[in-house]
């Protein structure tokens, strides 16, 4: 399977998906640690892809997403942004609402 197709499939099959360095329990950079901590605080399950273990995804996702950095949070098939954006959204309640809506939409589907 082509790497872009793999990325599309990952995004389509995971309602809440974080592309990060490392894992939520062992993040490999401060930005990934911040992003996964914020997501865990939202209280919903989420999938992640460790881009350090997937160099092809690391190389191609920025082109596909038109977003140059990691981590990248995808909710309901849409790119939300990186750690600073999701932290700001969490602080003002937007992220929790977005995730709640995405989880509810997936449950109704």
PDB file of N, CA and C in Angstrom:
ATOM      1  N   UNK A   1       0.856  -1.189   0.000  1.00  0.00           N
ATOM      2  CA  UNK A   1       0.000   0.000   0.000  1.00  0.00           C
ATOM      3  C   UNK A   1       0.896   1.245   0.000  1.00  0.00           C
ATOM      4  N   UNK A   2       0.541   2.210  -0.789  1.00  0.00           N
ATOM      5  CA  UNK A   2       1.233   3.488  -0.856  1.00  0.00           C
ATOM      6  C   UNK A   2       1.166   4.181   0.509  1.00  0.00           C
ATOM      7  N   UNK A   3       2.203   4.891   0.895  1.00  0.00           N
ATOM      8  CA  UNK A   3       2.265   5.507   2.224  1.00  0.00           C
ATOM      9  C   UNK A   3       1.165   6.551   2.430  1.00  0.00           C
ATOM     10  N   UNK A   4       0.819   7.288   1.396  1.00  0.00           N
ATOM     11  CA  UNK A   4      -0.268   8.268   1.515  1.00  0.00           C
ATOM     12  C   UNK A   4      -1.588   7.542   1.758  1.00  0.00           C
ATOM     13  N   UNK A   5      -1.787   6.412   1.091  1.00  0.00           N
ATOM     14  CA  UNK A   5      -2.990   5.604   1.330  1.00  0.00           C
ATOM     15  C   UNK A   5      -3.005   5.085   2.769  1.00  0.00           C
ATOM     16  N   UNK A   6      -1.861   4.692   3.278  1.00  0.00           N
ATOM     17  CA  UNK A   6      -1.756   4.241   4.667  1.00  0.00           C
ATOM     18  C   UNK A   6      -2.154   5.360   5.623  1.00  0.00           C
ATOM     19  N   UNK A   7      -1.643   6.553   5.369  1.00  0.00           N
ATOM     20  CA  UNK A   7      -1.974   7.715   6.208  1.00  0.00           C
ATOM     21  C   UNK A   7      -3.478   7.992   6.153  1.00  0.00           C
ATOM     22  N   UNK A   8      -4.033   8.004   4.950  1.00  0.00           N
ATOM     23  CA  UNK A   8      -5.478   8.241   4.794  1.00  0.00           C
ATOM     24  C   UNK A   8      -6.286   7.197   5.560  1.00  0.00           C
ATOM     25  N   UNK A   9      -5.866   5.938   5.479  1.00  0.00           N
ATOM     26  CA  UNK A   9      -6.556   4.851   6.176  1.00  0.00           C
ATOM     27  C   UNK A   9      -6.462   5.029   7.699  1.00  0.00           C
ATOM     28  N   UNK A  10      -5.296   5.405   8.184  1.00  0.00           N
ATOM     29  CA  UNK A  10      -5.133   5.633   9.626  1.00  0.00           C
ATOM     30  C   UNK A  10      -6.062   6.743  10.106  1.00  0.00           C
ATOM     31  N   UNK A  11      -6.117   7.817   9.359  1.00  0.00           N
ATOM     32  CA  UNK A  11      -6.958   8.961   9.737  1.00  0.00           C
ATOM     33  C   UNK A  11      -8.436   8.582   9.661  1.00  0.00           C
ATOM     34  N   UNK A  12      -8.812   7.840   8.628  1.00  0.00           N
ATOM     35  CA  UNK A  12     -10.219   7.441   8.456  1.00  0.00           C
ATOM     36  C   UNK A  12     -10.659   6.443   9.516  1.00  0.00           C
ATOM     37  N   UNK A  13      -9.754   5.547   9.935  1.00  0.00           N
ATOM     38  CA  UNK A  13     -10.171   4.510  10.882  1.00  0.00           C
ATOM     39  C   UNK A  13     -10.031   4.882  12.344  1.00  0.00           C
ATOM     40  N   UNK A  14      -9.437   6.022  12.629  1.00  0.00           N
ATOM     41  CA  UNK A  14      -9.258   6.449  14.019  1.00  0.00           C
ATOM     42  C   UNK A  14      -9.858   7.829  14.215  1.00  0.00           C
ATOM     43  N   UNK A  15     -10.938   7.867  14.962  1.00  0.00           N
ATOM     44  CA  UNK A  15     -11.669   9.108  15.181  1.00  0.00           C
ATOM     45  C   UNK A  15     -10.804  10.181  15.846  1.00  0.00           C
ATOM     46  N   UNK A  16      -9.957   9.758  16.764  1.00  0.00           N
ATOM     47  CA  UNK A  16      -9.031  10.674  17.436  1.00  0.00           C
ATOM     48  C   UNK A  16      -7.648  10.054  17.279  1.00  0.00           C
ATOM     49  N   UNK A  17      -6.783  10.738  16.547  1.00  0.00           N
ATOM     50  CA  UNK A  17      -5.483  10.179  16.198  1.00  0.00           C
ATOM     51  C   UNK A  17      -4.397  11.218  16.421  1.00  0.00           C
ATOM     52  N   UNK A  18      -3.367  10.827  17.154  1.00  0.00           N
ATOM     53  CA  UNK A  18      -2.235  11.704  17.408  1.00  0.00           C
ATOM     54  C   UNK A  18      -0.990  11.101  16.766  1.00  0.00           C
ATOM     55  N   UNK A  19      -0.416  11.829  15.817  1.00  0.00           N
ATOM     56  CA  UNK A  19       0.887  11.469  15.278  1.00  0.00           C
ATOM     57  C   UNK A  19       1.903  12.163  16.172  1.00  0.00           C
ATOM     58  N   UNK A  20       2.773  11.370  16.808  1.00  0.00           N
ATOM     59  CA  UNK A  20       3.669  11.931  17.806  1.00  0.00           C
ATOM     60  C   UNK A  20       5.015  11.226  17.786  1.00  0.00           C
ATOM     61  N   UNK A  21       5.954  11.802  18.524  1.00  0.00           N
ATOM     62  CA  UNK A  21       7.253  11.168  18.720  1.00  0.00           C
ATOM     63  C   UNK A  21       7.175  10.375  20.018  1.00  0.00           C
ATOM     64  N   UNK A  22       7.272   9.050  19.890  1.00  0.00           N
ATOM     65  CA  UNK A  22       7.145   8.178  21.049  1.00  0.00           C
ATOM     66  C   UNK A  22       5.710   7.719  21.231  1.00  0.00           C
ATOM     67  N   UNK A  23       5.352   7.435  22.485  1.00  0.00           N
ATOM     68  CA  UNK A  23       4.000   6.985  22.817  1.00  0.00           C
ATOM     69  C   UNK A  23       3.472   7.851  23.951  1.00  0.00           C
ATOM     70  N   UNK A  24       2.165   7.819  24.208  1.00  0.00           N
ATOM     71  CA  UNK A  24       1.635   8.621  25.312  1.00  0.00           C
ATOM     72  C   UNK A  24       2.303   8.305  26.660  1.00  0.00           C
ATOM     73  N   UNK A  25       2.664   7.042  26.867  1.00  0.00           N
ATOM     74  CA  UNK A  25       3.291   6.689  28.141  1.00  0.00           C
ATOM     75  C   UNK A  25       4.794   6.985  28.154  1.00  0.00           C
ATOM     76  N   UNK A  26       5.418   7.046  26.983  1.00  0.00           N
ATOM     77  CA  UNK A  26       6.846   7.359  26.895  1.00  0.00           C
ATOM     78  C   UNK A  26       7.074   8.317  25.714  1.00  0.00           C
ATOM     79  N   UNK A  27       6.640   9.576  25.851  1.00  0.00           N
ATOM     80  CA  UNK A  27       6.847  10.527  24.765  1.00  0.00           C
ATOM     81  C   UNK A  27       8.335  10.831  24.592  1.00  0.00           C
ATOM     82  N   UNK A  28       8.728  11.096  23.348  1.00  0.00           N
ATOM     83  CA  UNK A  28      10.136  11.322  23.046  1.00  0.00           C
ATOM     84  C   UNK A  28      10.476  12.786  22.757  1.00  0.00           C
ATOM     85  N   UNK A  29       9.533  13.682  23.015  1.00  0.00           N
ATOM     86  CA  UNK A  29       9.826  15.116  22.933  1.00  0.00           C
ATOM     87  C   UNK A  29       8.800  15.854  23.771  1.00  0.00           C
ATOM     88  N   UNK A  30       9.132  17.050  24.179  1.00  0.00           N
ATOM     89  CA  UNK A  30       8.262  17.833  25.043  1.00  0.00           C
ATOM     90  C   UNK A  30       6.921  18.172  24.410  1.00  0.00           C
ATOM     91  N   UNK A  31       6.941  18.451  23.113  1.00  0.00           N
ATOM     92  CA  UNK A  31       5.690  18.794  22.428  1.00  0.00           C
ATOM     93  C   UNK A  31       4.747  17.593  22.380  1.00  0.00           C
ATOM     94  N   UNK A  32       5.296  16.406  22.103  1.00  0.00           N
ATOM     95  CA  UNK A  32       4.477  15.199  22.097  1.00  0.00           C
ATOM     96  C   UNK A  32       3.968  14.886  23.501  1.00  0.00           C
ATOM     97  N   UNK A  33       4.799  15.121  24.515  1.00  0.00           N
ATOM     98  CA  UNK A  33       4.376  14.904  25.907  1.00  0.00           C
ATOM     99  C   UNK A  33       3.203  15.817  26.245  1.00  0.00           C
ATOM    100  N   UNK A  34       3.317  17.082  25.858  1.00  0.00           N
ATOM    101  CA  UNK A  34       2.258  18.057  26.131  1.00  0.00           C
ATOM    102  C   UNK A  34       0.961  17.668  25.424  1.00  0.00           C
ATOM    103  N   UNK A  35       1.065  17.300  24.153  1.00  0.00           N
ATOM    104  CA  UNK A  35      -0.121  16.950  23.367  1.00  0.00           C
ATOM    105  C   UNK A  35      -0.824  15.719  23.935  1.00  0.00           C
ATOM    106  N   UNK A  36      -0.056  14.680  24.259  1.00  0.00           N
ATOM    107  CA  UNK A  36      -0.685  13.458  24.765  1.00  0.00           C
ATOM    108  C   UNK A  36      -1.275  13.684  26.153  1.00  0.00           C
ATOM    109  N   UNK A  37      -0.637  14.505  26.967  1.00  0.00           N
ATOM    110  CA  UNK A  37      -1.166  14.816  28.306  1.00  0.00           C
ATOM    111  C   UNK A  37      -2.514  15.549  28.191  1.00  0.00           C
ATOM    112  N   UNK A  38      -2.586  16.506  27.290  1.00  0.00           N
ATOM    113  CA  UNK A  38      -3.832  17.245  27.064  1.00  0.00           C
ATOM    114  C   UNK A  38      -4.926  16.300  26.577  1.00  0.00           C
ATOM    115  N   UNK A  39      -4.583  15.434  25.626  1.00  0.00           N
ATOM    116  CA  UNK A  39      -5.573  14.484  25.104  1.00  0.00           C
ATOM    117  C   UNK A  39      -6.066  13.536  26.195  1.00  0.00           C
ATOM    118  N   UNK A  40      -5.159  13.029  27.004  1.00  0.00           N
ATOM    119  CA  UNK A  40      -5.556  12.120  28.084  1.00  0.00           C
ATOM    120  C   UNK A  40      -6.486  12.830  29.071  1.00  0.00           C
ATOM    121  N   UNK A  41      -6.266  14.127  29.264  1.00  0.00           N
ATOM    122  CA  UNK A  41      -7.110  14.897  30.177  1.00  0.00           C
ATOM    123  C   UNK A  41      -8.536  15.052  29.638  1.00  0.00           C
ATOM    124  N   UNK A  42      -8.717  14.856  28.345  1.00  0.00           N
ATOM    125  CA  UNK A  42     -10.063  14.938  27.754  1.00  0.00           C
ATOM    126  C   UNK A  42     -10.895  13.699  28.094  1.00  0.00           C
ATOM    127  N   UNK A  43     -10.231  12.618  28.488  1.00  0.00           N
ATOM    128  CA  UNK A  43     -10.940  11.440  28.974  1.00  0.00           C
ATOM    129  C   UNK A  43     -11.469  10.474  27.933  1.00  0.00           C
ATOM    130  N   UNK A  44     -11.129  10.660  26.687  1.00  0.00           N
ATOM    131  CA  UNK A  44     -11.570   9.729  25.645  1.00  0.00           C
ATOM    132  C   UNK A  44     -10.378   8.940  25.128  1.00  0.00           C
ATOM    133  N   UNK A  45     -10.652   7.717  24.671  1.00  0.00           N
ATOM    134  CA  UNK A  45      -9.582   6.919  24.076  1.00  0.00           C
ATOM    135  C   UNK A  45      -9.146   7.553  22.763  1.00  0.00           C
ATOM    136  N   UNK A  46      -7.864   7.447  22.500  1.00  0.00           N
ATOM    137  CA  UNK A  46      -7.349   7.943  21.228  1.00  0.00           C
ATOM    138  C   UNK A  46      -6.248   7.017  20.742  1.00  0.00           C
ATOM    139  N   UNK A  47      -6.074   7.018  19.439  1.00  0.00           N
ATOM    140  CA  UNK A  47      -5.011   6.231  18.819  1.00  0.00           C
ATOM    141  C   UNK A  47      -3.801   7.135  18.619  1.00  0.00           C
ATOM    142  N   UNK A  48      -2.651   6.505  18.491  1.00  0.00           N
ATOM    143  CA  UNK A  48      -1.455   7.283  18.185  1.00  0.00           C
ATOM    144  C   UNK A  48      -0.578   6.493  17.234  1.00  0.00           C
ATOM    145  N   UNK A  49       0.259   7.230  16.524  1.00  0.00           N
ATOM    146  CA  UNK A  49       1.271   6.632  15.661  1.00  0.00           C
ATOM    147  C   UNK A  49       2.594   7.263  16.064  1.00  0.00           C
ATOM    148  N   UNK A  50       3.554   6.413  16.406  1.00  0.00           N
ATOM    149  CA  UNK A  50       4.895   6.867  16.752  1.00  0.00           C
ATOM    150  C   UNK A  50       5.661   7.085  15.451  1.00  0.00           C
ATOM    151  N   UNK A  51       5.867   8.343  15.096  1.00  0.00           N
ATOM    152  CA  UNK A  51       6.532   8.639  13.817  1.00  0.00           C
ATOM    153  C   UNK A  51       8.018   8.273  13.843  1.00  0.00           C
ATOM    154  N   UNK A  52       8.590   8.120  15.030  1.00  0.00           N
ATOM    155  CA  UNK A  52       9.992   7.707  15.105  1.00  0.00           C
ATOM    156  C   UNK A  52      10.146   6.251  14.663  1.00  0.00           C
ATOM    157  N   UNK A  53       9.092   5.453  14.858  1.00  0.00           N
ATOM    158  CA  UNK A  53       9.095   4.059  14.428  1.00  0.00           C
ATOM    159  C   UNK A  53       8.574   3.903  12.996  1.00  0.00           C
ATOM    160  N   UNK A  54       8.075   4.997  12.419  1.00  0.00           N
ATOM    161  CA  UNK A  54       7.485   4.982  11.075  1.00  0.00           C
ATOM    162  C   UNK A  54       8.080   6.118  10.239  1.00  0.00           C
ATOM    163  N   UNK A  55       9.339   5.976   9.805  1.00  0.00           N
ATOM    164  CA  UNK A  55      10.004   7.079   9.102  1.00  0.00           C
ATOM    165  C   UNK A  55       9.309   7.518   7.809  1.00  0.00           C
ATOM    166  N   UNK A  56       8.630   6.590   7.133  1.00  0.00           N
ATOM    167  CA  UNK A  56       7.920   6.985   5.903  1.00  0.00           C
ATOM    168  C   UNK A  56       6.749   7.909   6.224  1.00  0.00           C
ATOM    169  N   UNK A  57       6.057   7.626   7.305  1.00  0.00           N
ATOM    170  CA  UNK A  57       4.957   8.506   7.723  1.00  0.00           C
ATOM    171  C   UNK A  57       5.539   9.850   8.153  1.00  0.00           C
ATOM    172  N   UNK A  58       6.616   9.804   8.910  1.00  0.00           N
ATOM    173  CA  UNK A  58       7.265  11.045   9.363  1.00  0.00           C
ATOM    174  C   UNK A  58       7.651  11.919   8.171  1.00  0.00           C
ATOM    175  N   UNK A  59       8.128  11.302   7.102  1.00  0.00           N
ATOM    176  CA  UNK A  59       8.565  12.053   5.923  1.00  0.00           C
ATOM    177  C   UNK A  59       7.401  12.559   5.072  1.00  0.00           C
ATOM    178  N   UNK A  60       6.306  11.808   5.023  1.00  0.00           N
ATOM    179  CA  UNK A  60       5.220  12.133   4.083  1.00  0.00           C
ATOM    180  C   UNK A  60       4.011  12.830   4.688  1.00  0.00           C
ATOM    181  N   UNK A  61       3.742  12.634   5.962  1.00  0.00           N
ATOM    182  CA  UNK A  61       2.559  13.259   6.572  1.00  0.00           C
ATOM    183  C   UNK A  61       2.593  14.785   6.489  1.00  0.00           C
ATOM    184  N   UNK A  62       3.733  15.442   6.730  1.00  0.00           N
ATOM    185  CA  UNK A  62       3.723  16.906   6.614  1.00  0.00           C
ATOM    186  C   UNK A  62       3.281  17.404   5.238  1.00  0.00           C
ATOM    187  N   UNK A  63       3.646  16.680   4.180  1.00  0.00           N
ATOM    188  CA  UNK A  63       3.221  17.068   2.828  1.00  0.00           C
ATOM    189  C   UNK A  63       1.717  16.843   2.667  1.00  0.00           C
ATOM    190  N   UNK A  64       1.249  15.686   3.132  1.00  0.00           N
ATOM    191  CA  UNK A  64      -0.175  15.364   3.010  1.00  0.00           C
ATOM    192  C   UNK A  64      -1.024  16.363   3.797  1.00  0.00           C
ATOM    193  N   UNK A  65      -0.598  16.658   5.020  1.00  0.00           N
ATOM    194  CA  UNK A  65      -1.381  17.508   5.911  1.00  0.00           C
ATOM    195  C   UNK A  65      -1.169  18.998   5.660  1.00  0.00           C
ATOM    196  N   UNK A  66      -0.106  19.322   4.924  1.00  0.00           N
ATOM    197  CA  UNK A  66       0.293  20.717   4.770  1.00  0.00           C
ATOM    198  C   UNK A  66       0.550  21.348   6.142  1.00  0.00           C
ATOM    199  N   UNK A  67       1.168  20.563   7.016  1.00  0.00           N
ATOM    200  CA  UNK A  67       1.514  20.982   8.380  1.00  0.00           C
ATOM    201  C   UNK A  67       2.907  20.421   8.651  1.00  0.00           C
ATOM    202  N   UNK A  68       3.903  21.282   8.863  1.00  0.00           N
ATOM    203  CA  UNK A  68       5.292  20.818   8.850  1.00  0.00           C
ATOM    204  C   UNK A  68       5.802  20.110  10.108  1.00  0.00           C
ATOM    205  N   UNK A  69       5.108  20.239  11.218  1.00  0.00           N
ATOM    206  CA  UNK A  69       5.677  19.775  12.484  1.00  0.00           C
ATOM    207  C   UNK A  69       4.861  18.660  13.127  1.00  0.00           C
ATOM    208  N   UNK A  70       5.461  18.060  14.138  1.00  0.00           N
ATOM    209  CA  UNK A  70       4.809  17.044  14.961  1.00  0.00           C
ATOM    210  C   UNK A  70       4.853  17.510  16.403  1.00  0.00           C
ATOM    211  N   UNK A  71       3.877  17.115  17.195  1.00  0.00           N
ATOM    212  CA  UNK A  71       2.785  16.202  16.906  1.00  0.00           C
ATOM    213  C   UNK A  71       1.709  16.843  16.024  1.00  0.00           C
ATOM    214  N   UNK A  72       0.847  15.965  15.500  1.00  0.00           N
ATOM    215  CA  UNK A  72      -0.333  16.393  14.747  1.00  0.00           C
ATOM    216  C   UNK A  72      -1.539  15.657  15.305  1.00  0.00           C
ATOM    217  N   UNK A  73      -2.552  16.405  15.692  1.00  0.00           N
ATOM    218  CA  UNK A  73      -3.800  15.812  16.165  1.00  0.00           C
ATOM    219  C   UNK A  73      -4.840  15.871  15.065  1.00  0.00           C
ATOM    220  N   UNK A  74      -5.460  14.705  14.813  1.00  0.00           N
ATOM    221  CA  UNK A  74      -6.545  14.582  13.839  1.00  0.00           C
ATOM    222  C   UNK A  74      -7.793  14.137  14.590  1.00  0.00           C
ATOM    223  N   UNK A  75      -8.884  14.859  14.413  1.00  0.00           N
ATOM    224  CA  UNK A  75     -10.154  14.509  15.061  1.00  0.00           C
ATOM    225  C   UNK A  75     -11.230  14.481  13.984  1.00  0.00           C
ATOM    226  N   UNK A  76     -11.933  13.350  13.908  1.00  0.00           N
ATOM    227  CA  UNK A  76     -12.997  13.202  12.908  1.00  0.00           C
ATOM    228  C   UNK A  76     -12.508  13.385  11.484  1.00  0.00           C
ATOM    229  N   UNK A  77     -11.259  12.986  11.235  1.00  0.00           N
ATOM    230  CA  UNK A  77     -10.705  13.085   9.889  1.00  0.00           C
ATOM    231  C   UNK A  77     -10.122  14.438   9.534  1.00  0.00           C
ATOM    232  N   UNK A  78     -10.140  15.385  10.473  1.00  0.00           N
ATOM    233  CA  UNK A  78      -9.637  16.730  10.209  1.00  0.00           C
ATOM    234  C   UNK A  78      -8.430  17.049  11.075  1.00  0.00           C
ATOM    235  N   UNK A  79      -7.455  17.716  10.488  1.00  0.00           N
ATOM    236  CA  UNK A  79      -6.282  18.147  11.226  1.00  0.00           C
ATOM    237  C   UNK A  79      -6.676  19.276  12.169  1.00  0.00           C
ATOM    238  N   UNK A  80      -6.364  19.109  13.446  1.00  0.00           N
ATOM    239  CA  UNK A  80      -6.633  20.147  14.443  1.00  0.00           C
ATOM    240  C   UNK A  80      -5.412  21.036  14.597  1.00  0.00           C
ATOM    241  N   UNK A  81      -4.235  20.426  14.750  1.00  0.00           N
ATOM    242  CA  UNK A  81      -3.006  21.195  14.878  1.00  0.00           C
ATOM    243  C   UNK A  81      -2.013  20.507  15.779  1.00  0.00           C
ATOM    244  N   UNK A  82      -1.043  21.282  16.240  1.00  0.00           N
ATOM    245  CA  UNK A  82       0.017  20.775  17.090  1.00  0.00           C
ATOM    246  C   UNK A  82      -0.230  21.045  18.558  1.00  0.00           C
ATOM    247  N   UNK A  83       0.803  20.853  19.354  1.00  0.00           N
ATOM    248  CA  UNK A  83       0.639  20.873  20.813  1.00  0.00           C
ATOM    249  C   UNK A  83       0.176  22.225  21.356  1.00  0.00           C
ATOM    250  N   UNK A  84       0.717  23.326  20.847  1.00  0.00           N
ATOM    251  CA  UNK A  84       0.298  24.635  21.364  1.00  0.00           C
ATOM    252  C   UNK A  84      -1.170  24.921  21.038  1.00  0.00           C
ATOM    253  N   UNK A  85      -1.570  24.586  19.835  1.00  0.00           N
ATOM    254  CA  UNK A  85      -2.968  24.817  19.427  1.00  0.00           C
ATOM    255  C   UNK A  85      -3.907  23.969  20.274  1.00  0.00           C
ATOM    256  N   UNK A  86      -3.596  22.682  20.446  1.00  0.00           N
ATOM    257  CA  UNK A  86      -4.524  21.847  21.207  1.00  0.00           C
ATOM    258  C   UNK A  86      -4.506  22.204  22.694  1.00  0.00           C
ATOM    259  N   UNK A  87      -3.365  22.674  23.209  1.00  0.00           N
ATOM    260  CA  UNK A  87      -3.321  23.120  24.607  1.00  0.00           C
ATOM    261  C   UNK A  87      -4.191  24.359  24.794  1.00  0.00           C
ATOM    262  N   UNK A  88      -4.120  25.305  23.858  1.00  0.00           N
ATOM    263  CA  UNK A  88      -4.968  26.503  23.928  1.00  0.00           C
ATOM    264  C   UNK A  88      -6.444  26.125  23.819  1.00  0.00           C
ATOM    265  N   UNK A  89      -6.752  25.208  22.900  1.00  0.00           N
ATOM    266  CA  UNK A  89      -8.143  24.773  22.735  1.00  0.00           C
ATOM    267  C   UNK A  89      -8.644  24.064  23.994  1.00  0.00           C
ATOM    268  N   UNK A  90      -7.763  23.307  24.644  1.00  0.00           N
ATOM    269  CA  UNK A  90      -8.142  22.621  25.880  1.00  0.00           C
ATOM    270  C   UNK A  90      -8.448  23.632  26.973  1.00  0.00           C
ATOM    271  N   UNK A  91      -7.597  24.651  27.092  1.00  0.00           N
ATOM    272  CA  UNK A  91      -7.783  25.666  28.136  1.00  0.00           C
ATOM    273  C   UNK A  91      -9.098  26.413  27.996  1.00  0.00           C
ATOM    274  N   UNK A  92      -9.544  26.655  26.769  1.00  0.00           N
ATOM    275  CA  UNK A  92     -10.813  27.370  26.609  1.00  0.00           C
ATOM    276  C   UNK A  92     -12.007  26.444  26.382  1.00  0.00           C
ATOM    277  N   UNK A  93     -11.789  25.128  26.477  1.00  0.00           N
ATOM    278  CA  UNK A  93     -12.882  24.167  26.394  1.00  0.00           C
ATOM    279  C   UNK A  93     -13.243  23.698  24.994  1.00  0.00           C
ATOM    280  N   UNK A  94     -12.629  24.280  23.978  1.00  0.00           N
ATOM    281  CA  UNK A  94     -12.951  23.910  22.595  1.00  0.00           C
ATOM    282  C   UNK A  94     -12.569  22.465  22.271  1.00  0.00           C
ATOM    283  N   UNK A  95     -11.414  22.033  22.761  1.00  0.00           N
ATOM    284  CA  UNK A  95     -10.944  20.693  22.430  1.00  0.00           C
ATOM    285  C   UNK A  95     -11.868  19.632  23.015  1.00  0.00           C
ATOM    286  N   UNK A  96     -12.261  19.799  24.270  1.00  0.00           N
ATOM    287  CA  UNK A  96     -13.159  18.834  24.899  1.00  0.00           C
ATOM    288  C   UNK A  96     -14.470  18.740  24.112  1.00  0.00           C
ATOM    289  N   UNK A  97     -14.995  19.879  23.695  1.00  0.00           N
ATOM    290  CA  UNK A  97     -16.247  19.908  22.930  1.00  0.00           C
ATOM    291  C   UNK A  97     -16.073  19.233  21.579  1.00  0.00           C
ATOM    292  N   UNK A  98     -14.950  19.521  20.906  1.00  0.00           N
ATOM    293  CA  UNK A  98     -14.675  18.917  19.596  1.00  0.00           C
ATOM    294  C   UNK A  98     -14.569  17.403  19.723  1.00  0.00           C
ATOM    295  N   UNK A  99     -13.886  16.934  20.743  1.00  0.00           N
ATOM    296  CA  UNK A  99     -13.714  15.489  20.938  1.00  0.00           C
ATOM    297  C   UNK A  99     -15.035  14.840  21.318  1.00  0.00           C
ATOM    298  N   UNK A 100     -15.799  15.481  22.178  1.00  0.00           N
ATOM    299  CA  UNK A 100     -17.120  14.961  22.562  1.00  0.00           C
ATOM    300  C   UNK A 100     -18.016  14.821  21.337  1.00  0.00           C
ATOM    301  N   UNK A 101     -18.016  15.835  20.490  1.00  0.00           N
ATOM    302  CA  UNK A 101     -18.826  15.822  19.268  1.00  0.00           C
ATOM    303  C   UNK A 101     -18.371  14.717  18.326  1.00  0.00           C
ATOM    304  N   UNK A 102     -17.069  14.545  18.162  1.00  0.00           N
ATOM    305  CA  UNK A 102     -16.531  13.511  17.271  1.00  0.00           C
ATOM    306  C   UNK A 102     -16.868  12.118  17.796  1.00  0.00           C
ATOM    307  N   UNK A 103     -16.777  11.920  19.103  1.00  0.00           N
ATOM    308  CA  UNK A 103     -17.111  10.623  19.702  1.00  0.00           C
ATOM    309  C   UNK A 103     -18.591  10.325  19.538  1.00  0.00           C
ATOM    310  N   UNK A 104     -19.431  11.334  19.748  1.00  0.00           N
ATOM    311  CA  UNK A 104     -20.881  11.163  19.592  1.00  0.00           C
ATOM    312  C   UNK A 104     -21.228  10.861  18.133  1.00  0.00           C
ATOM    313  N   UNK A 105     -20.594  11.557  17.193  1.00  0.00           N
ATOM    314  CA  UNK A 105     -20.859  11.334  15.767  1.00  0.00           C
ATOM    315  C   UNK A 105     -20.447   9.926  15.364  1.00  0.00           C
ATOM    316  N   UNK A 106     -19.343   9.445  15.881  1.00  0.00           N
ATOM    317  CA  UNK A 106     -18.870   8.091  15.566  1.00  0.00           C
ATOM    318  C   UNK A 106     -19.838   7.038  16.142  1.00  0.00           C
ATOM    319  N   UNK A 107     -20.359   7.312  17.338  1.00  0.00           N
ATOM    320  CA  UNK A 107     -21.296   6.382  17.972  1.00  0.00           C
ATOM    321  C   UNK A 107     -22.608   6.298  17.187  1.00  0.00           C
ATOM    322  N   UNK A 108     -23.006   7.438  16.572  1.00  0.00           N
ATOM    323  CA  UNK A 108     -24.247   7.470  15.807  1.00  0.00           C
ATOM    324  C   UNK A 108     -24.088   6.848  14.422  1.00  0.00           C
ATOM    325  N   UNK A 109     -22.850   6.750  13.962  1.00  0.00           N
ATOM    326  CA  UNK A 109     -22.611   6.265  12.584  1.00  0.00           C
ATOM    327  C   UNK A 109     -22.855   4.772  12.467  1.00  0.00           C
TER     328      UNK A 109
END
